[in-house]
Amino acid sequence: MDTNWEAAREAFRAGEILAYPTEAVYGLGCDPRNQAAVEKLLALKQRPQDKGLIILAADYSQAVAFVDDRAIPQDKRFSVFSHWPGPITLLLPAAANVPEWLRGQYQQIAVRVTAFEPARQLCKALGSAIVSTSANITGQPTLTSAQAIRDQFGDGVAWVMDAPLGGATKPSKIVDPITGTVIRD
């Protein structure tokens, strides 16, 4: 996979939207610390802010700034960290500084430490966790190719990673590891 990481870094720093393959579908992402970028992403998807967004990371150290790590009970820590890296998104207590425009109406933040190499490489190249949401307009089918991203979003997406999907048949499972509740299977 020949990828222009410098172009990805420039788009990320400029508050632009990036598209990349995940295990099952293409994802759209941006800098989770940049409110204007997140609002641009939500507008592009026509997605309500109150639903919240997923943080995707190459490892937990990239995501921990968004998590109130001390609020994860000691007896649940193995359950939390044994899921990663992998295709499971966990609802964890949000750090006090995580804004509503990122976590939505919730006091938790959705976090996934991915094992899917193209997405891991992107996070590593950016040196940051990224927002991750399915590449589609809300309520419409998810997109599964770089060309479909370009066709649907045009200049709304500044950088597209053209690489194969991971072969999964559905988006990541979402679990609250503290209560054991499965939000999306």
N, C-alpha and C. Protein backbone atom coordinates (compact mmCIF):
# COMPACT_ATOMS: atom_id res chain seq x y z
N MET A 1 0.86 -1.18 0.00
CA MET A 1 0.00 0.00 0.00
C MET A 1 0.90 1.23 0.00
N ASP A 2 0.87 1.98 -1.07
CA ASP A 2 1.65 3.20 -1.19
C ASP A 2 0.76 4.37 -0.77
N THR A 3 1.03 4.93 0.39
CA THR A 3 0.16 5.95 0.94
C THR A 3 0.93 7.25 1.16
N ASN A 4 0.30 8.36 0.82
CA ASN A 4 0.90 9.67 1.02
C ASN A 4 0.54 10.18 2.42
N TRP A 5 1.35 9.77 3.40
CA TRP A 5 1.06 10.14 4.79
C TRP A 5 1.19 11.63 5.01
N GLU A 6 2.10 12.30 4.31
CA GLU A 6 2.25 13.74 4.51
C GLU A 6 0.98 14.49 4.11
N ALA A 7 0.35 14.07 3.03
CA ALA A 7 -0.91 14.69 2.62
C ALA A 7 -2.00 14.44 3.66
N ALA A 8 -2.00 13.25 4.25
CA ALA A 8 -2.97 12.94 5.31
C ALA A 8 -2.72 13.84 6.52
N ARG A 9 -1.45 13.99 6.91
CA ARG A 9 -1.11 14.85 8.06
C ARG A 9 -1.52 16.30 7.80
N GLU A 10 -1.27 16.78 6.59
CA GLU A 10 -1.63 18.17 6.25
C GLU A 10 -3.14 18.36 6.33
N ALA A 11 -3.91 17.44 5.78
CA ALA A 11 -5.37 17.53 5.82
C ALA A 11 -5.87 17.48 7.27
N PHE A 12 -5.30 16.59 8.06
CA PHE A 12 -5.68 16.44 9.47
C PHE A 12 -5.42 17.73 10.24
N ARG A 13 -4.20 18.29 10.07
CA ARG A 13 -3.85 19.54 10.77
C ARG A 13 -4.70 20.71 10.32
N ALA A 14 -5.15 20.68 9.06
CA ALA A 14 -5.97 21.77 8.51
C ALA A 14 -7.46 21.65 8.89
N GLY A 15 -7.80 20.60 9.65
CA GLY A 15 -9.20 20.43 10.06
C GLY A 15 -10.08 19.86 8.96
N GLU A 16 -9.47 19.11 8.06
CA GLU A 16 -10.22 18.52 6.95
C GLU A 16 -10.67 17.10 7.29
N ILE A 17 -11.51 16.56 6.42
CA ILE A 17 -12.06 15.22 6.60
C ILE A 17 -11.21 14.21 5.82
N LEU A 18 -10.95 13.07 6.44
CA LEU A 18 -10.19 11.99 5.83
C LEU A 18 -11.10 10.77 5.71
N ALA A 19 -10.86 9.94 4.70
CA ALA A 19 -11.60 8.69 4.55
C ALA A 19 -10.60 7.54 4.49
N TYR A 20 -10.96 6.42 5.11
CA TYR A 20 -10.03 5.30 5.23
C TYR A 20 -10.83 4.02 5.39
N PRO A 21 -10.25 2.89 4.98
CA PRO A 21 -10.95 1.62 5.14
C PRO A 21 -10.89 1.15 6.59
N THR A 22 -11.93 0.46 7.00
CA THR A 22 -11.94 -0.20 8.30
C THR A 22 -12.18 -1.69 8.05
N GLU A 23 -12.47 -2.41 9.10
CA GLU A 23 -12.69 -3.84 8.98
C GLU A 23 -13.85 -4.17 8.04
N ALA A 24 -14.91 -3.33 8.01
CA ALA A 24 -16.12 -3.67 7.25
C ALA A 24 -16.53 -2.62 6.22
N VAL A 25 -16.33 -1.35 6.51
CA VAL A 25 -16.78 -0.26 5.64
C VAL A 25 -15.72 0.84 5.62
N TYR A 26 -15.91 1.80 4.76
CA TYR A 26 -15.04 2.98 4.82
C TYR A 26 -15.49 3.85 5.97
N GLY A 27 -14.53 4.50 6.59
CA GLY A 27 -14.81 5.43 7.67
C GLY A 27 -14.44 6.84 7.27
N LEU A 28 -15.08 7.79 7.91
CA LEU A 28 -14.72 9.20 7.80
C LEU A 28 -14.15 9.62 9.13
N GLY A 29 -13.11 10.44 9.08
CA GLY A 29 -12.49 10.87 10.32
C GLY A 29 -11.94 12.27 10.22
N CYS A 30 -11.55 12.77 11.40
CA CYS A 30 -10.95 14.09 11.50
C CYS A 30 -10.28 14.17 12.88
N ASP A 31 -9.73 15.33 13.16
CA ASP A 31 -9.07 15.56 14.44
C ASP A 31 -10.12 15.70 15.54
N PRO A 32 -10.13 14.81 16.52
CA PRO A 32 -11.16 14.87 17.56
C PRO A 32 -10.99 16.07 18.50
N ARG A 33 -9.88 16.77 18.41
CA ARG A 33 -9.66 17.96 19.26
C ARG A 33 -10.07 19.25 18.56
N ASN A 34 -10.52 19.14 17.31
CA ASN A 34 -10.83 20.30 16.49
C ASN A 34 -12.35 20.39 16.30
N GLN A 35 -12.99 21.29 17.03
CA GLN A 35 -14.45 21.40 16.98
C GLN A 35 -14.95 21.71 15.58
N ALA A 36 -14.28 22.61 14.87
CA ALA A 36 -14.73 22.96 13.52
C ALA A 36 -14.66 21.75 12.60
N ALA A 37 -13.62 20.92 12.74
CA ALA A 37 -13.49 19.72 11.91
C ALA A 37 -14.61 18.73 12.23
N VAL A 38 -14.89 18.53 13.51
CA VAL A 38 -15.96 17.61 13.91
C VAL A 38 -17.31 18.12 13.40
N GLU A 39 -17.55 19.42 13.52
CA GLU A 39 -18.81 19.98 13.02
C GLU A 39 -18.92 19.84 11.50
N LYS A 40 -17.80 19.98 10.79
CA LYS A 40 -17.78 19.80 9.34
C LYS A 40 -18.13 18.35 9.00
N LEU A 41 -17.58 17.41 9.76
CA LEU A 41 -17.86 15.99 9.53
C LEU A 41 -19.34 15.69 9.78
N LEU A 42 -19.87 16.20 10.88
CA LEU A 42 -21.28 15.97 11.18
C LEU A 42 -22.19 16.55 10.09
N ALA A 43 -21.84 17.74 9.60
CA ALA A 43 -22.63 18.36 8.53
C ALA A 43 -22.54 17.54 7.24
N LEU A 44 -21.35 17.04 6.91
CA LEU A 44 -21.15 16.24 5.71
C LEU A 44 -22.02 14.99 5.76
N LYS A 45 -22.09 14.36 6.93
CA LYS A 45 -22.87 13.13 7.10
C LYS A 45 -24.36 13.41 7.36
N GLN A 46 -24.67 14.67 7.67
CA GLN A 46 -26.03 15.04 8.10
C GLN A 46 -26.40 14.23 9.34
N ARG A 47 -25.47 14.18 10.27
CA ARG A 47 -25.61 13.39 11.50
C ARG A 47 -25.84 14.32 12.68
N PRO A 48 -26.80 14.01 13.52
CA PRO A 48 -27.02 14.84 14.71
C PRO A 48 -25.86 14.73 15.70
N GLN A 49 -25.52 15.84 16.32
CA GLN A 49 -24.41 15.88 17.28
C GLN A 49 -24.68 15.04 18.51
N ASP A 50 -25.93 14.90 18.91
CA ASP A 50 -26.23 14.23 20.18
C ASP A 50 -25.94 12.74 20.17
N LYS A 51 -25.69 12.15 19.00
CA LYS A 51 -25.38 10.71 18.92
C LYS A 51 -23.97 10.38 19.37
N GLY A 52 -23.07 11.35 19.34
CA GLY A 52 -21.69 11.10 19.71
C GLY A 52 -20.93 10.39 18.60
N LEU A 53 -19.61 10.32 18.75
CA LEU A 53 -18.73 9.75 17.74
C LEU A 53 -17.75 8.78 18.38
N ILE A 54 -17.16 7.95 17.56
CA ILE A 54 -16.16 6.99 18.02
C ILE A 54 -14.77 7.60 17.87
N ILE A 55 -13.90 7.31 18.83
CA ILE A 55 -12.49 7.65 18.73
C ILE A 55 -11.77 6.36 18.33
N LEU A 56 -11.00 6.43 17.24
CA LEU A 56 -10.24 5.29 16.75
C LEU A 56 -8.76 5.54 17.00
N ALA A 57 -8.07 4.54 17.53
CA ALA A 57 -6.66 4.72 17.89
C ALA A 57 -5.84 3.50 17.51
N ALA A 58 -4.54 3.73 17.35
CA ALA A 58 -3.61 2.63 17.08
C ALA A 58 -3.29 1.88 18.36
N ASP A 59 -3.36 2.56 19.49
CA ASP A 59 -3.13 1.94 20.80
C ASP A 59 -3.81 2.80 21.86
N TYR A 60 -3.93 2.26 23.05
CA TYR A 60 -4.66 2.96 24.11
C TYR A 60 -4.01 4.29 24.46
N SER A 61 -2.71 4.40 24.33
CA SER A 61 -2.04 5.67 24.68
C SER A 61 -2.55 6.82 23.82
N GLN A 62 -3.00 6.54 22.59
CA GLN A 62 -3.56 7.60 21.75
C GLN A 62 -4.98 7.99 22.20
N ALA A 63 -5.67 7.09 22.85
CA ALA A 63 -7.06 7.33 23.22
C ALA A 63 -7.24 7.79 24.66
N VAL A 64 -6.26 7.55 25.50
CA VAL A 64 -6.43 7.77 26.94
C VAL A 64 -6.76 9.22 27.29
N ALA A 65 -6.37 10.18 26.49
CA ALA A 65 -6.69 11.58 26.77
C ALA A 65 -8.20 11.83 26.74
N PHE A 66 -8.95 10.97 26.09
CA PHE A 66 -10.40 11.14 25.98
C PHE A 66 -11.16 10.34 27.03
N VAL A 67 -10.44 9.54 27.80
CA VAL A 67 -11.05 8.61 28.75
C VAL A 67 -10.70 9.03 30.18
N ASP A 68 -11.69 8.93 31.07
CA ASP A 68 -11.40 9.09 32.50
C ASP A 68 -10.92 7.72 32.99
N ASP A 69 -9.64 7.48 32.77
CA ASP A 69 -9.04 6.16 33.04
C ASP A 69 -9.22 5.75 34.50
N ARG A 70 -9.17 6.71 35.41
CA ARG A 70 -9.32 6.39 36.84
C ARG A 70 -10.72 5.92 37.19
N ALA A 71 -11.70 6.22 36.32
CA ALA A 71 -13.08 5.81 36.59
C ALA A 71 -13.38 4.39 36.10
N ILE A 72 -12.42 3.75 35.45
CA ILE A 72 -12.60 2.35 35.06
C ILE A 72 -12.28 1.51 36.29
N PRO A 73 -13.27 0.82 36.85
CA PRO A 73 -13.04 0.05 38.08
C PRO A 73 -11.92 -0.99 37.89
N GLN A 74 -11.14 -1.18 38.93
CA GLN A 74 -10.03 -2.14 38.89
C GLN A 74 -10.49 -3.52 38.46
N ASP A 75 -11.66 -3.96 38.92
CA ASP A 75 -12.12 -5.30 38.59
C ASP A 75 -12.65 -5.42 37.16
N LYS A 76 -12.72 -4.30 36.43
CA LYS A 76 -13.19 -4.32 35.04
C LYS A 76 -12.06 -4.05 34.04
N ARG A 77 -10.90 -3.72 34.52
CA ARG A 77 -9.81 -3.31 33.62
C ARG A 77 -9.39 -4.44 32.67
N PHE A 78 -9.33 -5.66 33.16
CA PHE A 78 -8.97 -6.77 32.27
C PHE A 78 -10.02 -6.91 31.18
N SER A 79 -11.29 -6.81 31.54
CA SER A 79 -12.37 -6.91 30.57
C SER A 79 -12.24 -5.82 29.51
N VAL A 80 -11.86 -4.63 29.92
CA VAL A 80 -11.70 -3.52 28.98
C VAL A 80 -10.55 -3.81 28.02
N PHE A 81 -9.39 -4.03 28.56
CA PHE A 81 -8.19 -4.09 27.73
C PHE A 81 -8.02 -5.41 26.99
N SER A 82 -8.73 -6.46 27.39
CA SER A 82 -8.62 -7.73 26.68
C SER A 82 -9.34 -7.70 25.33
N HIS A 83 -10.16 -6.69 25.08
CA HIS A 83 -10.86 -6.56 23.80
C HIS A 83 -9.98 -5.97 22.70
N TRP A 84 -8.86 -5.40 23.06
CA TRP A 84 -8.05 -4.64 22.11
C TRP A 84 -6.67 -5.21 21.93
N PRO A 85 -6.04 -4.97 20.79
CA PRO A 85 -6.65 -4.34 19.61
C PRO A 85 -7.64 -5.30 18.96
N GLY A 86 -8.65 -4.71 18.33
CA GLY A 86 -9.66 -5.53 17.68
C GLY A 86 -10.83 -4.72 17.20
N PRO A 87 -11.82 -5.39 16.61
CA PRO A 87 -12.97 -4.71 16.01
C PRO A 87 -14.11 -4.43 16.99
N ILE A 88 -13.76 -4.15 18.24
CA ILE A 88 -14.79 -3.88 19.25
C ILE A 88 -14.62 -2.46 19.77
N THR A 89 -15.72 -1.72 19.74
CA THR A 89 -15.76 -0.36 20.28
C THR A 89 -16.31 -0.44 21.69
N LEU A 90 -15.60 0.20 22.62
CA LEU A 90 -16.02 0.19 24.02
C LEU A 90 -16.51 1.56 24.46
N LEU A 91 -17.57 1.56 25.25
CA LEU A 91 -18.05 2.79 25.87
C LEU A 91 -17.35 2.93 27.21
N LEU A 92 -16.52 3.96 27.32
CA LEU A 92 -15.74 4.18 28.54
C LEU A 92 -16.09 5.54 29.13
N PRO A 93 -15.84 5.72 30.43
CA PRO A 93 -16.13 7.02 31.03
C PRO A 93 -15.33 8.11 30.32
N ALA A 94 -16.01 9.17 29.90
CA ALA A 94 -15.33 10.27 29.20
C ALA A 94 -14.54 11.12 30.18
N ALA A 95 -13.38 11.57 29.74
CA ALA A 95 -12.59 12.52 30.54
C ALA A 95 -13.41 13.79 30.70
N ALA A 96 -13.18 14.51 31.78
CA ALA A 96 -13.95 15.71 32.09
C ALA A 96 -13.87 16.76 30.98
N ASN A 97 -12.76 16.78 30.25
CA ASN A 97 -12.59 17.81 29.22
C ASN A 97 -13.13 17.41 27.84
N VAL A 98 -13.75 16.24 27.72
CA VAL A 98 -14.29 15.81 26.42
C VAL A 98 -15.60 16.56 26.19
N PRO A 99 -15.65 17.35 25.13
CA PRO A 99 -16.83 18.19 24.90
C PRO A 99 -18.03 17.41 24.38
N GLU A 100 -19.18 18.00 24.56
CA GLU A 100 -20.43 17.38 24.11
C GLU A 100 -20.44 17.18 22.60
N TRP A 101 -19.80 18.07 21.84
CA TRP A 101 -19.79 17.92 20.38
C TRP A 101 -19.03 16.67 19.94
N LEU A 102 -18.30 16.04 20.85
CA LEU A 102 -17.60 14.80 20.54
C LEU A 102 -18.31 13.58 21.14
N ARG A 103 -18.74 13.69 22.38
CA ARG A 103 -19.36 12.54 23.06
C ARG A 103 -20.87 12.51 22.92
N GLY A 104 -21.46 13.56 22.35
CA GLY A 104 -22.92 13.60 22.20
C GLY A 104 -23.58 13.83 23.55
N GLN A 105 -24.72 13.23 23.73
CA GLN A 105 -25.50 13.42 24.95
C GLN A 105 -25.04 12.53 26.10
N TYR A 106 -23.95 11.82 25.92
CA TYR A 106 -23.52 10.80 26.87
C TYR A 106 -22.37 11.28 27.76
N GLN A 107 -22.20 10.59 28.88
CA GLN A 107 -21.06 10.85 29.77
C GLN A 107 -19.93 9.86 29.48
N GLN A 108 -20.13 9.07 28.45
CA GLN A 108 -19.12 8.10 28.03
C GLN A 108 -18.60 8.52 26.66
N ILE A 109 -17.45 7.94 26.30
CA ILE A 109 -16.87 8.14 24.97
C ILE A 109 -16.66 6.75 24.36
N ALA A 110 -17.01 6.63 23.09
CA ALA A 110 -16.84 5.37 22.38
C ALA A 110 -15.41 5.32 21.84
N VAL A 111 -14.68 4.25 22.17
CA VAL A 111 -13.27 4.14 21.80
C VAL A 111 -13.01 2.76 21.19
N ARG A 112 -12.22 2.75 20.09
CA ARG A 112 -11.78 1.47 19.52
C ARG A 112 -10.29 1.55 19.24
N VAL A 113 -9.56 0.59 19.77
CA VAL A 113 -8.15 0.41 19.42
C VAL A 113 -8.15 -0.68 18.36
N THR A 114 -7.92 -0.26 17.14
CA THR A 114 -8.08 -1.16 16.00
C THR A 114 -6.87 -2.07 15.79
N ALA A 115 -7.16 -3.25 15.29
CA ALA A 115 -6.11 -4.18 14.87
C ALA A 115 -5.98 -4.17 13.35
N PHE A 116 -6.88 -3.44 12.68
CA PHE A 116 -6.88 -3.40 11.22
C PHE A 116 -5.74 -2.51 10.75
N GLU A 117 -4.78 -3.12 10.09
CA GLU A 117 -3.50 -2.46 9.82
C GLU A 117 -3.60 -1.13 9.05
N PRO A 118 -4.40 -0.98 7.99
CA PRO A 118 -4.46 0.33 7.34
C PRO A 118 -4.92 1.45 8.29
N ALA A 119 -5.92 1.19 9.10
CA ALA A 119 -6.40 2.20 10.04
C ALA A 119 -5.35 2.45 11.14
N ARG A 120 -4.68 1.41 11.61
CA ARG A 120 -3.60 1.58 12.59
C ARG A 120 -2.48 2.43 12.02
N GLN A 121 -2.10 2.15 10.78
CA GLN A 121 -1.04 2.93 10.14
C GLN A 121 -1.42 4.39 10.01
N LEU A 122 -2.69 4.66 9.70
CA LEU A 122 -3.15 6.05 9.60
C LEU A 122 -3.01 6.75 10.95
N CYS A 123 -3.50 6.14 12.02
CA CYS A 123 -3.38 6.75 13.34
C CYS A 123 -1.92 6.96 13.74
N LYS A 124 -1.08 5.99 13.41
CA LYS A 124 0.34 6.13 13.71
C LYS A 124 0.96 7.27 12.92
N ALA A 125 0.64 7.36 11.63
CA ALA A 125 1.19 8.42 10.77
C ALA A 125 0.75 9.80 11.25
N LEU A 126 -0.49 9.89 11.75
CA LEU A 126 -1.00 11.17 12.25
C LEU A 126 -0.49 11.45 13.66
N GLY A 127 -0.03 10.42 14.35
CA GLY A 127 0.40 10.59 15.73
C GLY A 127 -0.75 10.92 16.64
N SER A 128 -1.95 10.44 16.28
CA SER A 128 -3.15 10.82 17.02
C SER A 128 -4.27 9.82 16.79
N ALA A 129 -5.13 9.74 17.77
CA ALA A 129 -6.42 9.09 17.57
C ALA A 129 -7.22 9.97 16.63
N ILE A 130 -8.21 9.38 15.98
CA ILE A 130 -9.06 10.15 15.07
C ILE A 130 -10.52 9.85 15.37
N VAL A 131 -11.38 10.76 14.94
CA VAL A 131 -12.81 10.49 14.95
C VAL A 131 -13.05 9.39 13.92
N SER A 132 -13.96 8.48 14.21
CA SER A 132 -14.30 7.44 13.26
C SER A 132 -15.81 7.28 13.21
N THR A 133 -16.35 7.42 12.01
CA THR A 133 -17.77 7.20 11.78
C THR A 133 -17.91 6.64 10.38
N SER A 134 -18.96 5.90 10.16
CA SER A 134 -19.13 5.27 8.85
C SER A 134 -19.23 6.32 7.75
N ALA A 135 -18.68 5.98 6.59
CA ALA A 135 -18.69 6.88 5.44
C ALA A 135 -20.02 6.73 4.71
N ASN A 136 -20.94 7.58 5.06
CA ASN A 136 -22.24 7.62 4.41
C ASN A 136 -23.00 8.83 4.93
N ILE A 137 -24.02 9.22 4.20
CA ILE A 137 -24.95 10.22 4.71
C ILE A 137 -25.88 9.44 5.64
N THR A 138 -26.16 10.00 6.79
CA THR A 138 -26.98 9.31 7.79
C THR A 138 -28.25 8.73 7.16
N GLY A 139 -28.47 7.45 7.44
CA GLY A 139 -29.65 6.77 6.93
C GLY A 139 -29.46 6.12 5.57
N GLN A 140 -28.34 6.40 4.91
CA GLN A 140 -28.07 5.81 3.60
C GLN A 140 -27.05 4.68 3.75
N PRO A 141 -26.91 3.82 2.74
CA PRO A 141 -25.96 2.71 2.84
C PRO A 141 -24.52 3.21 3.05
N THR A 142 -23.75 2.41 3.77
CA THR A 142 -22.34 2.75 4.00
C THR A 142 -21.55 2.50 2.73
N LEU A 143 -20.48 3.27 2.57
CA LEU A 143 -19.65 3.19 1.37
C LEU A 143 -18.50 2.23 1.61
N THR A 144 -18.12 1.52 0.56
CA THR A 144 -17.13 0.46 0.72
C THR A 144 -15.94 0.58 -0.23
N SER A 145 -15.78 1.73 -0.87
CA SER A 145 -14.61 1.91 -1.75
C SER A 145 -14.19 3.37 -1.79
N ALA A 146 -12.94 3.57 -2.13
CA ALA A 146 -12.41 4.93 -2.26
C ALA A 146 -13.17 5.69 -3.35
N GLN A 147 -13.48 5.01 -4.44
CA GLN A 147 -14.21 5.68 -5.53
C GLN A 147 -15.60 6.10 -5.09
N ALA A 148 -16.27 5.26 -4.32
CA ALA A 148 -17.60 5.62 -3.82
C ALA A 148 -17.53 6.85 -2.92
N ILE A 149 -16.45 6.97 -2.13
CA ILE A 149 -16.25 8.16 -1.28
C ILE A 149 -16.14 9.40 -2.17
N ARG A 150 -15.30 9.31 -3.18
CA ARG A 150 -15.10 10.46 -4.09
C ARG A 150 -16.41 10.83 -4.79
N ASP A 151 -17.15 9.81 -5.24
CA ASP A 151 -18.41 10.07 -5.94
C ASP A 151 -19.44 10.72 -5.02
N GLN A 152 -19.55 10.24 -3.80
CA GLN A 152 -20.59 10.74 -2.88
C GLN A 152 -20.23 12.10 -2.28
N PHE A 153 -18.96 12.26 -1.86
CA PHE A 153 -18.59 13.44 -1.08
C PHE A 153 -17.73 14.45 -1.82
N GLY A 154 -17.14 14.07 -2.94
CA GLY A 154 -16.33 15.00 -3.72
C GLY A 154 -15.28 15.71 -2.88
N ASP A 155 -15.24 17.03 -2.98
CA ASP A 155 -14.27 17.84 -2.26
C ASP A 155 -14.55 17.93 -0.76
N GLY A 156 -15.67 17.37 -0.32
CA GLY A 156 -15.98 17.37 1.11
C GLY A 156 -15.01 16.51 1.92
N VAL A 157 -14.33 15.60 1.23
CA VAL A 157 -13.32 14.75 1.85
C VAL A 157 -11.98 15.12 1.22
N ALA A 158 -11.05 15.58 2.05
CA ALA A 158 -9.78 16.10 1.55
C ALA A 158 -8.75 15.02 1.22
N TRP A 159 -8.83 13.88 1.91
CA TRP A 159 -7.83 12.83 1.73
C TRP A 159 -8.53 11.48 1.83
N VAL A 160 -8.24 10.60 0.87
CA VAL A 160 -8.84 9.27 0.84
C VAL A 160 -7.74 8.22 0.75
N MET A 161 -7.75 7.26 1.67
CA MET A 161 -6.83 6.13 1.60
C MET A 161 -7.49 5.06 0.73
N ASP A 162 -6.84 4.73 -0.36
CA ASP A 162 -7.38 3.72 -1.26
C ASP A 162 -6.74 2.38 -0.92
N ALA A 163 -7.46 1.60 -0.12
CA ALA A 163 -6.97 0.29 0.31
C ALA A 163 -8.18 -0.61 0.55
N PRO A 164 -7.99 -1.92 0.50
CA PRO A 164 -9.11 -2.84 0.69
C PRO A 164 -9.66 -2.80 2.12
N LEU A 165 -10.93 -3.16 2.22
CA LEU A 165 -11.56 -3.31 3.53
C LEU A 165 -11.03 -4.58 4.20
N GLY A 166 -11.34 -4.73 5.48
CA GLY A 166 -10.83 -5.86 6.23
C GLY A 166 -11.58 -7.16 6.11
N GLY A 167 -12.71 -7.19 5.41
CA GLY A 167 -13.42 -8.43 5.20
C GLY A 167 -14.53 -8.74 6.18
N ALA A 168 -14.72 -7.89 7.20
CA ALA A 168 -15.84 -8.10 8.13
C ALA A 168 -17.15 -7.77 7.42
N THR A 169 -18.23 -8.38 7.86
CA THR A 169 -19.52 -8.19 7.20
C THR A 169 -20.39 -7.12 7.84
N LYS A 170 -20.00 -6.64 9.02
CA LYS A 170 -20.78 -5.59 9.68
C LYS A 170 -19.85 -4.72 10.52
N PRO A 171 -20.29 -3.49 10.81
CA PRO A 171 -19.46 -2.57 11.60
C PRO A 171 -19.14 -3.13 12.99
N SER A 172 -18.20 -2.47 13.65
CA SER A 172 -17.72 -2.96 14.94
C SER A 172 -18.84 -3.11 15.97
N LYS A 173 -18.67 -4.12 16.78
CA LYS A 173 -19.54 -4.36 17.92
C LYS A 173 -19.28 -3.23 18.91
N ILE A 174 -20.34 -2.75 19.59
CA ILE A 174 -20.18 -1.71 20.62
C ILE A 174 -20.64 -2.29 21.94
N VAL A 175 -19.75 -2.23 22.94
CA VAL A 175 -20.00 -2.84 24.24
C VAL A 175 -19.68 -1.84 25.35
N ASP A 176 -20.48 -1.86 26.40
CA ASP A 176 -20.14 -1.16 27.64
C ASP A 176 -19.49 -2.22 28.53
N PRO A 177 -18.16 -2.22 28.64
CA PRO A 177 -17.48 -3.30 29.37
C PRO A 177 -17.67 -3.21 30.88
N ILE A 178 -18.13 -2.09 31.37
CA ILE A 178 -18.33 -1.93 32.81
C ILE A 178 -19.63 -2.59 33.24
N THR A 179 -20.69 -2.44 32.40
CA THR A 179 -21.97 -3.07 32.73
C THR A 179 -22.15 -4.39 31.99
N GLY A 180 -21.37 -4.63 30.95
CA GLY A 180 -21.52 -5.83 30.15
C GLY A 180 -22.59 -5.72 29.08
N THR A 181 -23.18 -4.55 28.93
CA THR A 181 -24.25 -4.34 27.96
C THR A 181 -23.69 -4.24 26.54
N VAL A 182 -24.31 -4.99 25.63
CA VAL A 182 -23.97 -4.89 24.21
C VAL A 182 -24.90 -3.87 23.58
N ILE A 183 -24.33 -2.80 23.04
CA ILE A 183 -25.12 -1.72 22.44
C ILE A 183 -25.41 -2.03 20.98
N ARG A 184 -24.39 -2.53 20.26
CA ARG A 184 -24.57 -2.95 18.86
C ARG A 184 -23.78 -4.23 18.68
N ASP A 185 -24.45 -5.25 18.16
CA ASP A 185 -23.80 -6.55 17.98
C ASP A 185 -23.24 -6.70 16.59
